[in-house]
C-alpha atoms as a PDB file:
ATOM      1  CA  MET A   1     -76.644 -46.108  -8.686  1.00  0.00           C
ATOM      2  CA  SER A   2     -76.816 -48.041  -5.416  1.00  0.00           C
ATOM      3  CA  GLY A   3     -73.793 -50.095  -6.480  1.00  0.00           C
ATOM      4  CA  LEU A   4     -71.937 -46.932  -7.456  1.00  0.00           C
ATOM      5  CA  GLY A   5     -72.723 -45.378  -4.086  1.00  0.00           C
ATOM      6  CA  LEU A   6     -71.413 -48.452  -2.265  1.00  0.00           C
ATOM      7  CA  MET A   7     -68.223 -48.451  -4.316  1.00  0.00           C
ATOM      8  CA  VAL A   8     -67.592 -44.723  -3.877  1.00  0.00           C
ATOM      9  CA  ALA A   9     -68.261 -44.833  -0.136  1.00  0.00           C
ATOM     10  CA  GLY A  10     -66.030 -47.899   0.237  1.00  0.00           C
ATOM     11  CA  VAL A  11     -63.157 -46.252  -1.629  1.00  0.00           C
ATOM     12  CA  ALA A  12     -63.572 -43.063   0.392  1.00  0.00           C
ATOM     13  CA  HIS A  13     -63.456 -45.032   3.647  1.00  0.00           C
ATOM     14  CA  GLU A  14     -60.361 -47.006   2.641  1.00  0.00           C
ATOM     15  CA  ILE A  15     -58.522 -43.847   1.582  1.00  0.00           C
ATOM     16  CA  ASN A  16     -59.570 -41.849   4.618  1.00  0.00           C
ATOM     17  CA  ASN A  17     -57.753 -43.861   7.300  1.00  0.00           C
ATOM     18  CA  PRO A  18     -54.222 -43.842   5.802  1.00  0.00           C
ATOM     19  CA  VAL A  19     -54.571 -40.211   4.723  1.00  0.00           C
ATOM     20  CA  ASN A  20     -55.584 -39.194   8.243  1.00  0.00           C
ATOM     21  CA  PHE A  21     -52.570 -41.113   9.581  1.00  0.00           C
ATOM     22  CA  ILE A  22     -50.195 -39.284   7.232  1.00  0.00           C
ATOM     23  CA  HIS A  23     -51.855 -35.918   7.792  1.00  0.00           C
ATOM     24  CA  GLY A  24     -51.718 -36.258  11.561  1.00  0.00           C
ATOM     25  CA  ASN A  25     -48.045 -37.219  11.567  1.00  0.00           C
ATOM     26  CA  LEU A  26     -46.969 -34.380   9.276  1.00  0.00           C
ATOM     27  CA  HIS A  27     -47.472 -31.940  12.152  1.00  0.00           C
ATOM     28  CA  PHE A  28     -45.047 -33.879  14.332  1.00  0.00           C
ATOM     29  CA  ALA A  29     -42.605 -34.347  11.434  1.00  0.00           C
ATOM     30  CA  GLN A  30     -42.545 -30.569  10.947  1.00  0.00           C
ATOM     31  CA  GLU A  31     -41.837 -30.024  14.659  1.00  0.00           C
ATOM     32  CA  TYR A  32     -39.056 -32.636  14.720  1.00  0.00           C
ATOM     33  CA  ILE A  33     -37.421 -31.202  11.583  1.00  0.00           C
ATOM     34  CA  ASP A  34     -37.533 -27.675  12.982  1.00  0.00           C
ATOM     35  CA  THR A  35     -35.979 -28.917  16.249  1.00  0.00           C
ATOM     36  CA  LEU A  36     -33.184 -30.775  14.454  1.00  0.00           C
ATOM     37  CA  LEU A  37     -32.417 -27.766  12.253  1.00  0.00           C
ATOM     38  CA  ASP A  38     -32.252 -25.584  15.372  1.00  0.00           C
ATOM     39  CA  LEU A  39     -29.833 -28.114  16.925  1.00  0.00           C
ATOM     40  CA  ILE A  40     -27.604 -28.048  13.809  1.00  0.00           C
ATOM     41  CA  ALA A  41     -27.658 -24.246  13.837  1.00  0.00           C
ATOM     42  CA  LEU A  42     -26.624 -24.297  17.509  1.00  0.00           C
ATOM     43  CA  TYR A  43     -23.760 -26.677  16.739  1.00  0.00           C
ATOM     44  CA  GLN A  44     -22.590 -24.353  13.957  1.00  0.00           C
ATOM     45  CA  GLU A  45     -22.735 -21.405  16.341  1.00  0.00           C
ATOM     46  CA  GLN A  46     -20.889 -23.157  19.169  1.00  0.00           C
ATOM     47  CA  CYS A  47     -18.407 -25.036  16.948  1.00  0.00           C
ATOM     48  CA  PRO A  48     -17.788 -22.796  13.922  1.00  0.00           C
ATOM     49  CA  ASP A  49     -14.563 -24.577  12.946  1.00  0.00           C
ATOM     50  CA  THR A  50     -15.161 -27.554  10.662  1.00  0.00           C
ATOM     51  CA  ASN A  51     -12.859 -29.877   8.735  1.00  0.00           C
ATOM     52  CA  SER A  52     -12.603 -30.338   5.003  1.00  0.00           C
ATOM     53  CA  ASP A  53     -14.665 -33.547   4.979  1.00  0.00           C
ATOM     54  CA  ILE A  54     -17.658 -31.782   6.514  1.00  0.00           C
ATOM     55  CA  ASP A  55     -17.312 -28.809   4.176  1.00  0.00           C
ATOM     56  CA  GLN A  56     -17.060 -31.099   1.167  1.00  0.00           C
ATOM     57  CA  PHE A  57     -20.123 -33.125   2.234  1.00  0.00           C
ATOM     58  CA  LYS A  58     -22.173 -29.955   2.727  1.00  0.00           C
ATOM     59  CA  LYS A  59     -21.359 -28.944  -0.833  1.00  0.00           C
ATOM     60  CA  VAL A  60     -22.208 -32.385  -2.232  1.00  0.00           C
ATOM     61  CA  ILE A  61     -25.654 -32.480  -0.585  1.00  0.00           C
ATOM     62  CA  ASP A  62     -26.280 -28.742  -1.137  1.00  0.00           C
ATOM     63  CA  TYR A  63     -26.865 -28.188   2.569  1.00  0.00           C
ATOM     64  CA  GLU A  64     -28.102 -24.602   2.252  1.00  0.00           C
ATOM     65  CA  PHE A  65     -30.790 -25.629  -0.236  1.00  0.00           C
ATOM     66  CA  ILE A  66     -31.910 -28.632   1.830  1.00  0.00           C
ATOM     67  CA  THR A  67     -32.383 -26.604   5.005  1.00  0.00           C
ATOM     68  CA  LYS A  68     -34.501 -24.051   3.165  1.00  0.00           C
ATOM     69  CA  ASP A  69     -36.500 -26.524   1.072  1.00  0.00           C
ATOM     70  CA  LEU A  70     -37.201 -29.204   3.688  1.00  0.00           C
ATOM     71  CA  THR A  71     -39.876 -27.219   5.514  1.00  0.00           C
ATOM     72  CA  LYS A  72     -41.423 -26.291   2.152  1.00  0.00           C
ATOM     73  CA  VAL A  73     -41.631 -29.985   1.245  1.00  0.00           C
ATOM     74  CA  ILE A  74     -43.500 -30.778   4.462  1.00  0.00           C
ATOM     75  CA  ALA A  75     -45.819 -27.796   3.919  1.00  0.00           C
ATOM     76  CA  SER A  76     -46.617 -28.927   0.369  1.00  0.00           C
ATOM     77  CA  MET A  77     -47.313 -32.465   1.618  1.00  0.00           C
ATOM     78  CA  LYS A  78     -49.767 -31.011   4.138  1.00  0.00           C
ATOM     79  CA  VAL A  79     -51.503 -29.090   1.351  1.00  0.00           C
ATOM     80  CA  GLY A  80     -51.757 -32.369  -0.565  1.00  0.00           C
ATOM     81  CA  THR A  81     -53.273 -34.294   2.352  1.00  0.00           C
ATOM     82  CA  ASP A  82     -55.677 -31.411   2.996  1.00  0.00           C
ATOM     83  CA  ARG A  83     -56.804 -31.712  -0.608  1.00  0.00           C
ATOM     84  CA  ILE A  84     -57.224 -35.499  -0.359  1.00  0.00           C
ATOM     85  CA  GLN A  85     -59.274 -35.133   2.828  1.00  0.00           C
ATOM     86  CA  GLU A  86     -61.476 -32.580   1.065  1.00  0.00           C
ATOM     87  CA  ILE A  87     -62.038 -34.957  -1.864  1.00  0.00           C
ATOM     88  CA  VAL A  88     -62.738 -37.918   0.431  1.00  0.00           C
ATOM     89  CA  GLN A  89     -65.266 -35.849   2.379  1.00  0.00           C
ATOM     90  CA  SER A  90     -66.967 -34.869  -0.872  1.00  0.00           C
ATOM     91  CA  LEU A  91     -67.079 -38.496  -2.019  1.00  0.00           C
ATOM     92  CA  SER A  92     -68.682 -39.478   1.289  1.00  0.00           C
ATOM     93  CA  VAL A  93     -71.253 -36.692   1.027  1.00  0.00           C
ATOM     94  CA  PHE A  94     -71.931 -37.526  -2.601  1.00  0.00           C
ATOM     95  CA  SER A  95     -72.423 -41.271  -2.060  1.00  0.00           C
ATOM     96  CA  ARG A  96     -74.599 -40.870   1.074  1.00  0.00           C
ATOM     97  CA  LEU A  97     -74.195 -44.577   1.811  1.00  0.00           C
ATOM     98  CA  ASP A  98     -76.093 -44.218   5.093  1.00  0.00           C
ATOM     99  CA  GLU A  99     -78.957 -42.360   3.465  1.00  0.00           C
ATOM    100  CA  ALA A 100     -80.793 -44.972   1.429  1.00  0.00           C
ATOM    101  CA  GLU A 101     -83.959 -43.537   2.955  1.00  0.00           C
ATOM    102  CA  HIS A 102     -85.008 -39.916   2.950  1.00  0.00           C
ATOM    103  CA  LYS A 103     -82.976 -37.669   5.250  1.00  0.00           C
ATOM    104  CA  ILE A 104     -82.830 -34.009   6.201  1.00  0.00           C
ATOM    105  CA  VAL A 105     -79.713 -32.561   4.541  1.00  0.00           C
ATOM    106  CA  ASP A 106     -78.073 -29.395   3.268  1.00  0.00           C
ATOM    107  CA  ILE A 107     -78.753 -29.229  -0.477  1.00  0.00           C
ATOM    108  CA  HIS A 108     -75.853 -26.833  -1.046  1.00  0.00           C
ATOM    109  CA  GLU A 109     -73.431 -29.303   0.516  1.00  0.00           C
ATOM    110  CA  GLY A 110     -74.498 -31.919  -2.032  1.00  0.00           C
ATOM    111  CA  ILE A 111     -74.090 -29.506  -4.959  1.00  0.00           C
ATOM    112  CA  ASP A 112     -70.652 -28.374  -3.752  1.00  0.00           C
ATOM    113  CA  SER A 113     -69.516 -31.994  -3.354  1.00  0.00           C
ATOM    114  CA  THR A 114     -70.664 -32.775  -6.889  1.00  0.00           C
ATOM    115  CA  LEU A 115     -68.762 -29.770  -8.263  1.00  0.00           C
ATOM    116  CA  LEU A 116     -65.604 -30.865  -6.461  1.00  0.00           C
ATOM    117  CA  ILE A 117     -65.859 -34.369  -7.888  1.00  0.00           C
ATOM    118  CA  LEU A 118     -66.272 -32.847 -11.374  1.00  0.00           C
ATOM    119  CA  LYS A 119     -63.449 -30.337 -10.903  1.00  0.00           C
ATOM    120  CA  HIS A 120     -61.148 -32.257 -13.240  1.00  0.00           C
ATOM    121  CA  ARG A 121     -63.676 -31.684 -16.040  1.00  0.00           C
ATOM    122  CA  ILE A 122     -64.202 -28.022 -15.195  1.00  0.00           C
ATOM    123  CA  LYS A 123     -60.570 -26.894 -15.114  1.00  0.00           C
ATOM    124  CA  ALA A 124     -58.783 -25.528 -18.185  1.00  0.00           C
ATOM    125  CA  ILE A 125     -57.480 -27.981 -20.769  1.00  0.00           C
ATOM    126  CA  SER A 126     -55.284 -27.534 -23.814  1.00  0.00           C
ATOM    127  CA  ASP A 127     -58.017 -26.384 -26.209  1.00  0.00           C
ATOM    128  CA  ARG A 128     -60.341 -24.451 -23.875  1.00  0.00           C
ATOM    129  CA  PRO A 129     -60.226 -22.191 -20.801  1.00  0.00           C
ATOM    130  CA  GLU A 130     -61.650 -23.239 -17.449  1.00  0.00           C
ATOM    131  CA  ILE A 131     -65.442 -23.412 -17.293  1.00  0.00           C
ATOM    132  CA  LYS A 132     -66.662 -20.656 -14.994  1.00  0.00           C
ATOM    133  CA  ILE A 133     -68.914 -21.849 -12.175  1.00  0.00           C
ATOM    134  CA  SER A 134     -71.322 -19.295 -10.740  1.00  0.00           C
ATOM    135  CA  LYS A 135     -73.390 -20.111  -7.648  1.00  0.00           C
ATOM    136  CA  ASP A 136     -76.371 -18.092  -6.473  1.00  0.00           C
ATOM    137  CA  TYR A 137     -77.539 -19.932  -3.383  1.00  0.00           C
ATOM    138  CA  GLY A 138     -80.706 -18.850  -1.677  1.00  0.00           C
ATOM    139  CA  ASP A 139     -81.314 -19.004   2.074  1.00  0.00           C
ATOM    140  CA  LEU A 140     -82.533 -22.600   2.157  1.00  0.00           C
ATOM    141  CA  PRO A 141     -83.354 -24.547   5.292  1.00  0.00           C
ATOM    142  CA  LYS A 142     -82.267 -28.173   5.433  1.00  0.00           C
ATOM    143  CA  ILE A 143     -84.298 -30.242   2.995  1.00  0.00           C
ATOM    144  CA  GLU A 144     -85.958 -33.638   3.419  1.00  0.00           C
ATOM    145  CA  CYS A 145     -85.004 -35.753   0.413  1.00  0.00           C
ATOM    146  CA  TYR A 146     -83.302 -38.875  -0.879  1.00  0.00           C
ATOM    147  CA  ALA A 147     -79.878 -37.254  -0.632  1.00  0.00           C
ATOM    148  CA  GLY A 148     -77.805 -39.837  -2.508  1.00  0.00           C
ATOM    149  CA  GLN A 149     -80.235 -40.002  -5.402  1.00  0.00           C
ATOM    150  CA  LEU A 150     -80.579 -36.225  -5.541  1.00  0.00           C
ATOM    151  CA  ASN A 151     -76.789 -35.939  -5.749  1.00  0.00           C
ATOM    152  CA  GLN A 152     -76.943 -38.283  -8.753  1.00  0.00           C
ATOM    153  CA  VAL A 153     -79.356 -35.825 -10.385  1.00  0.00           C
ATOM    154  CA  PHE A 154     -76.895 -32.970  -9.761  1.00  0.00           C
ATOM    155  CA  MET A 155     -74.113 -35.096 -11.244  1.00  0.00           C
ATOM    156  CA  ASN A 156     -76.124 -35.878 -14.384  1.00  0.00           C
ATOM    157  CA  LEU A 157     -77.267 -32.300 -14.993  1.00  0.00           C
ATOM    158  CA  ILE A 158     -73.887 -30.672 -14.389  1.00  0.00           C
ATOM    159  CA  SER A 159     -72.074 -33.346 -16.429  1.00  0.00           C
ATOM    160  CA  ASN A 160     -74.457 -32.775 -19.332  1.00  0.00           C
ATOM    161  CA  ALA A 161     -73.853 -29.022 -19.110  1.00  0.00           C
ATOM    162  CA  ILE A 162     -70.091 -29.622 -19.236  1.00  0.00           C
ATOM    163  CA  ASP A 163     -70.524 -31.912 -22.260  1.00  0.00           C
ATOM    164  CA  ALA A 164     -72.580 -29.263 -24.070  1.00  0.00           C
ATOM    165  CA  LEU A 165     -70.016 -26.558 -23.327  1.00  0.00           C
ATOM    166  CA  ASP A 166     -67.135 -28.795 -24.443  1.00  0.00           C
ATOM    167  CA  GLU A 167     -68.870 -29.456 -27.771  1.00  0.00           C
ATOM    168  CA  TRP A 168     -69.636 -25.750 -28.134  1.00  0.00           C
ATOM    169  CA  ASP A 169     -66.034 -24.717 -27.412  1.00  0.00           C
ATOM    170  CA  ALA A 170     -64.728 -27.282 -29.889  1.00  0.00           C
ATOM    171  CA  LYS A 171     -66.578 -25.418 -32.651  1.00  0.00           C
ATOM    172  CA  ARG A 172     -65.469 -21.930 -31.586  1.00  0.00           C
ATOM    173  CA  THR A 173     -62.249 -20.088 -32.302  1.00  0.00           C
ATOM    174  CA  SER A 174     -59.831 -19.262 -29.500  1.00  0.00           C
ATOM    175  CA  GLN A 175     -60.868 -15.606 -29.772  1.00  0.00           C
ATOM    176  CA  GLU A 176     -64.561 -16.497 -29.411  1.00  0.00           C
ATOM    177  CA  ARG A 177     -63.792 -18.682 -26.399  1.00  0.00           C
ATOM    178  CA  ALA A 178     -61.835 -15.840 -24.782  1.00  0.00           C
ATOM    179  CA  GLU A 179     -64.551 -13.266 -25.470  1.00  0.00           C
ATOM    180  CA  GLU A 180     -67.346 -15.393 -23.988  1.00  0.00           C
ATOM    181  CA  LEU A 181     -66.193 -17.921 -21.422  1.00  0.00           C
ATOM    182  CA  ALA A 182     -68.146 -21.139 -21.029  1.00  0.00           C
ATOM    183  CA  GLN A 183     -70.176 -20.843 -17.842  1.00  0.00           C
ATOM    184  CA  ILE A 184     -72.495 -22.880 -15.633  1.00  0.00           C
ATOM    185  CA  LYS A 185     -74.723 -21.042 -13.170  1.00  0.00           C
ATOM    186  CA  ILE A 186     -76.443 -22.896 -10.335  1.00  0.00           C
ATOM    187  CA  THR A 187     -79.294 -21.145  -8.538  1.00  0.00           C
ATOM    188  CA  THR A 188     -81.304 -22.305  -5.536  1.00  0.00           C
ATOM    189  CA  THR A 189     -84.478 -20.637  -4.268  1.00  0.00           C
ATOM    190  CA  LEU A 190     -87.100 -21.316  -1.613  1.00  0.00           C
ATOM    191  CA  ILE A 191     -90.603 -20.576  -2.920  1.00  0.00           C
ATOM    192  CA  ASP A 192     -93.494 -19.895  -0.532  1.00  0.00           C
ATOM    193  CA  GLU A 193     -91.533 -21.435   2.368  1.00  0.00           C
ATOM    194  CA  ASP A 194     -92.318 -24.903   1.027  1.00  0.00           C
ATOM    195  CA  LYS A 195     -91.015 -25.542  -2.476  1.00  0.00           C
ATOM    196  CA  VAL A 196     -87.381 -25.729  -3.532  1.00  0.00           C
ATOM    197  CA  LEU A 197     -86.272 -24.581  -6.971  1.00  0.00           C
ATOM    198  CA  ILE A 198     -82.819 -25.551  -8.278  1.00  0.00           C
ATOM    199  CA  VAL A 199     -81.702 -24.376 -11.721  1.00  0.00           C
ATOM    200  CA  VAL A 200     -78.602 -25.543 -13.595  1.00  0.00           C
ATOM    201  CA  HIS A 201     -78.024 -23.167 -16.507  1.00  0.00           C
ATOM    202  CA  ASP A 202     -75.268 -23.154 -19.105  1.00  0.00           C
ATOM    203  CA  ASN A 203     -74.501 -20.469 -21.680  1.00  0.00           C
ATOM    204  CA  GLY A 204     -73.853 -22.943 -24.492  1.00  0.00           C
ATOM    205  CA  PRO A 205     -75.535 -23.225 -27.898  1.00  0.00           C
ATOM    206  CA  GLY A 206     -78.921 -24.269 -26.529  1.00  0.00           C
ATOM    207  CA  ILE A 207     -81.186 -27.203 -27.399  1.00  0.00           C
ATOM    208  CA  PRO A 208     -83.431 -27.224 -30.496  1.00  0.00           C
ATOM    209  CA  GLU A 209     -87.115 -26.977 -29.594  1.00  0.00           C
ATOM    210  CA  GLU A 210     -88.032 -30.085 -31.576  1.00  0.00           C
ATOM    211  CA  ILE A 211     -85.948 -32.379 -29.363  1.00  0.00           C
ATOM    212  CA  GLN A 212     -86.639 -30.795 -25.963  1.00  0.00           C
ATOM    213  CA  SER A 213     -89.700 -33.014 -25.489  1.00  0.00           C
ATOM    214  CA  CYS A 214     -87.514 -36.120 -25.947  1.00  0.00           C
ATOM    215  CA  LEU A 215     -84.764 -35.221 -23.483  1.00  0.00           C
ATOM    216  CA  PHE A 216     -86.108 -37.365 -20.635  1.00  0.00           C
ATOM    217  CA  ASP A 217     -86.962 -40.399 -22.760  1.00  0.00           C
ATOM    218  CA  PRO A 218     -84.899 -43.510 -21.934  1.00  0.00           C
ATOM    219  CA  PHE A 219     -81.922 -44.018 -24.262  1.00  0.00           C
ATOM    220  CA  PHE A 220     -82.457 -40.705 -26.047  1.00  0.00           C
ATOM    221  CA  THR A 221     -79.166 -38.877 -26.565  1.00  0.00           C
ATOM    222  CA  THR A 222     -77.752 -36.208 -28.845  1.00  0.00           C
ATOM    223  CA  LYS A 223     -74.182 -37.321 -28.171  1.00  0.00           C
ATOM    224  CA  ALA A 224     -72.025 -39.261 -30.599  1.00  0.00           C
ATOM    225  CA  VAL A 225     -72.080 -43.068 -30.467  1.00  0.00           C
ATOM    226  CA  GLY A 226     -70.115 -44.298 -27.469  1.00  0.00           C
ATOM    227  CA  LYS A 227     -70.265 -40.964 -25.623  1.00  0.00           C
ATOM    228  CA  GLY A 228     -73.675 -41.216 -24.000  1.00  0.00           C
ATOM    229  CA  THR A 229     -76.153 -43.859 -22.840  1.00  0.00           C
ATOM    230  CA  GLY A 230     -79.256 -41.704 -22.929  1.00  0.00           C
ATOM    231  CA  LEU A 231     -80.102 -42.763 -19.365  1.00  0.00           C
ATOM    232  CA  GLY A 232     -78.811 -39.877 -17.236  1.00  0.00           C
ATOM    233  CA  LEU A 233     -81.721 -37.507 -17.771  1.00  0.00           C
ATOM    234  CA  SER A 234     -84.271 -40.329 -17.771  1.00  0.00           C
ATOM    235  CA  ILE A 235     -83.052 -41.568 -14.369  1.00  0.00           C
ATOM    236  CA  SER A 236     -82.915 -38.015 -13.054  1.00  0.00           C
ATOM    237  CA  TYR A 237     -86.506 -37.445 -14.159  1.00  0.00           C
ATOM    238  CA  GLN A 238     -87.619 -40.623 -12.410  1.00  0.00           C
ATOM    239  CA  ILE A 239     -85.854 -39.613  -9.169  1.00  0.00           C
ATOM    240  CA  ILE A 240     -87.464 -36.172  -9.105  1.00  0.00           C
ATOM    241  CA  ILE A 241     -90.951 -37.260 -10.225  1.00  0.00           C
ATOM    242  CA  GLU A 242     -91.370 -40.537  -8.335  1.00  0.00           C
ATOM    243  CA  LYS A 243     -89.144 -40.117  -5.286  1.00  0.00           C
ATOM    244  CA  HIS A 244     -89.751 -36.417  -4.666  1.00  0.00           C
ATOM    245  CA  ALA A 245     -93.140 -35.794  -6.342  1.00  0.00           C
ATOM    246  CA  GLY A 246     -91.513 -32.845  -8.034  1.00  0.00           C
ATOM    247  CA  ASN A 247     -90.881 -31.638 -11.532  1.00  0.00           C
ATOM    248  CA  LEU A 248     -87.832 -31.620 -13.788  1.00  0.00           C
ATOM    249  CA  PHE A 249     -87.980 -29.712 -17.059  1.00  0.00           C
ATOM    250  CA  CYS A 250     -85.751 -27.923 -19.534  1.00  0.00           C
ATOM    251  CA  SER A 251     -86.049 -24.404 -20.927  1.00  0.00           C
ATOM    252  CA  SER A 252     -83.776 -23.473 -23.802  1.00  0.00           C
ATOM    253  CA  GLU A 253     -83.459 -21.147 -26.730  1.00  0.00           C
ATOM    254  CA  LEU A 254     -80.903 -21.635 -29.486  1.00  0.00           C
ATOM    255  CA  GLY A 255     -77.952 -19.351 -28.935  1.00  0.00           C
ATOM    256  CA  HIS A 256     -78.875 -18.684 -25.295  1.00  0.00           C
ATOM    257  CA  GLY A 257     -77.912 -21.873 -23.496  1.00  0.00           C
ATOM    258  CA  ALA A 258     -80.085 -24.379 -21.650  1.00  0.00           C
ATOM    259  CA  ALA A 259     -81.526 -24.426 -18.137  1.00  0.00           C
ATOM    260  CA  PHE A 260     -82.725 -27.486 -16.237  1.00  0.00           C
ATOM    261  CA  HIS A 261     -85.208 -26.735 -13.468  1.00  0.00           C
ATOM    262  CA  ILE A 262     -85.760 -28.999 -10.450  1.00  0.00           C
ATOM    263  CA  GLU A 263     -88.815 -28.331  -8.285  1.00  0.00           C
ATOM    264  CA  PHE A 264     -90.018 -30.278  -5.246  1.00  0.00           C
ATOM    265  CA  SER A 265     -91.439 -29.806  -1.768  1.00  0.00           C
ATOM    266  CA  ARG A 266     -88.832 -29.509   0.959  1.00  0.00           C
ATOM    267  CA  LEU A 267     -90.864 -31.884   3.176  1.00  0.00           C
ATOM    268  CA  LEU A 268     -91.572 -35.366   1.814  1.00  0.00           C
ATOM    269  CA  VAL A 269     -94.573 -37.533   2.660  1.00  0.00           C
ATOM    270  CA  LEU A 270     -94.057 -41.175   1.636  1.00  0.00           C
ATOM    271  CA  ASP A 271     -96.214 -44.258   1.360  1.00  0.00           C
ATOM    272  CA  ARG A 272     -95.173 -47.695   2.683  1.00  0.00           C
ATOM    273  CA  ASN A 273     -93.297 -48.420  -0.548  1.00  0.00           C
ATOM    274  CA  GLY A 274     -91.236 -45.250  -0.342  1.00  0.00           C
ATOM    275  CA  ILE A 275     -93.188 -43.475  -3.080  1.00  0.00           C
ATOM    276  CA  CYS A 276     -93.583 -39.772  -2.439  1.00  0.00           C
ATOM    277  CA  LEU A 277     -97.123 -38.578  -1.771  1.00  0.00           C
ATOM    278  CA  THR A 278     -96.295 -34.918  -1.313  1.00  0.00           C
ATOM    279  CA  GLU A 279     -98.521 -32.706  -3.429  1.00  0.00           C
END
């Protein structure tokens, strides 16, 4: 995970500089284009008589279309760079390269960054509608935690929920999928001013009771061969239990989806080895 964080942060940094350069210059490009178009319009007003060569060239290049579409092109490029900047910011937040130790952070920012990174998996595809994301954020203060590692937990839990919903949708008819959209609900709550509760709940088929006790075992997976390592939940469990002295458990009933609950104190007390001592 540390290597992944380094790679993600490095890529985000390398992308950020050229994107900022392009984004910053688009504003000036828009101004220059508007000025030049105003100059051409003034020429046309002051010198309305043109020769056949100019008229012919205007037809060849479709002058009327160009003048209308050029500003739209610049505007769409700005939308694109805005989107790239948003993704880069989310990658930086997600990787938390400068937060190898515990830091005070906004939990909701980490969840939102994770959702943005997973957006390509959430959006509609050919055989299923878009997965609906519902967020019920409580009024949380900033939380002391291992931010990068906690973001990895969010990634694992939300990815698993998406996998479960994808498998569920693959077995349903198009009418069934339309009648009950696949959904992931993320809830955060502050309990007794000290403990944080985060729940990731999907409305998929649920998890059989007989395997719920095995979910956090290393290498245990219900996915087909080649589609899962069986390490995501095990690593997540270790991060919550050892690094945050918290609890991670699953509650599920067949036909009613599955919910993964994360509980830990919002203020960490660590020993010299970085192991959480918070009760």
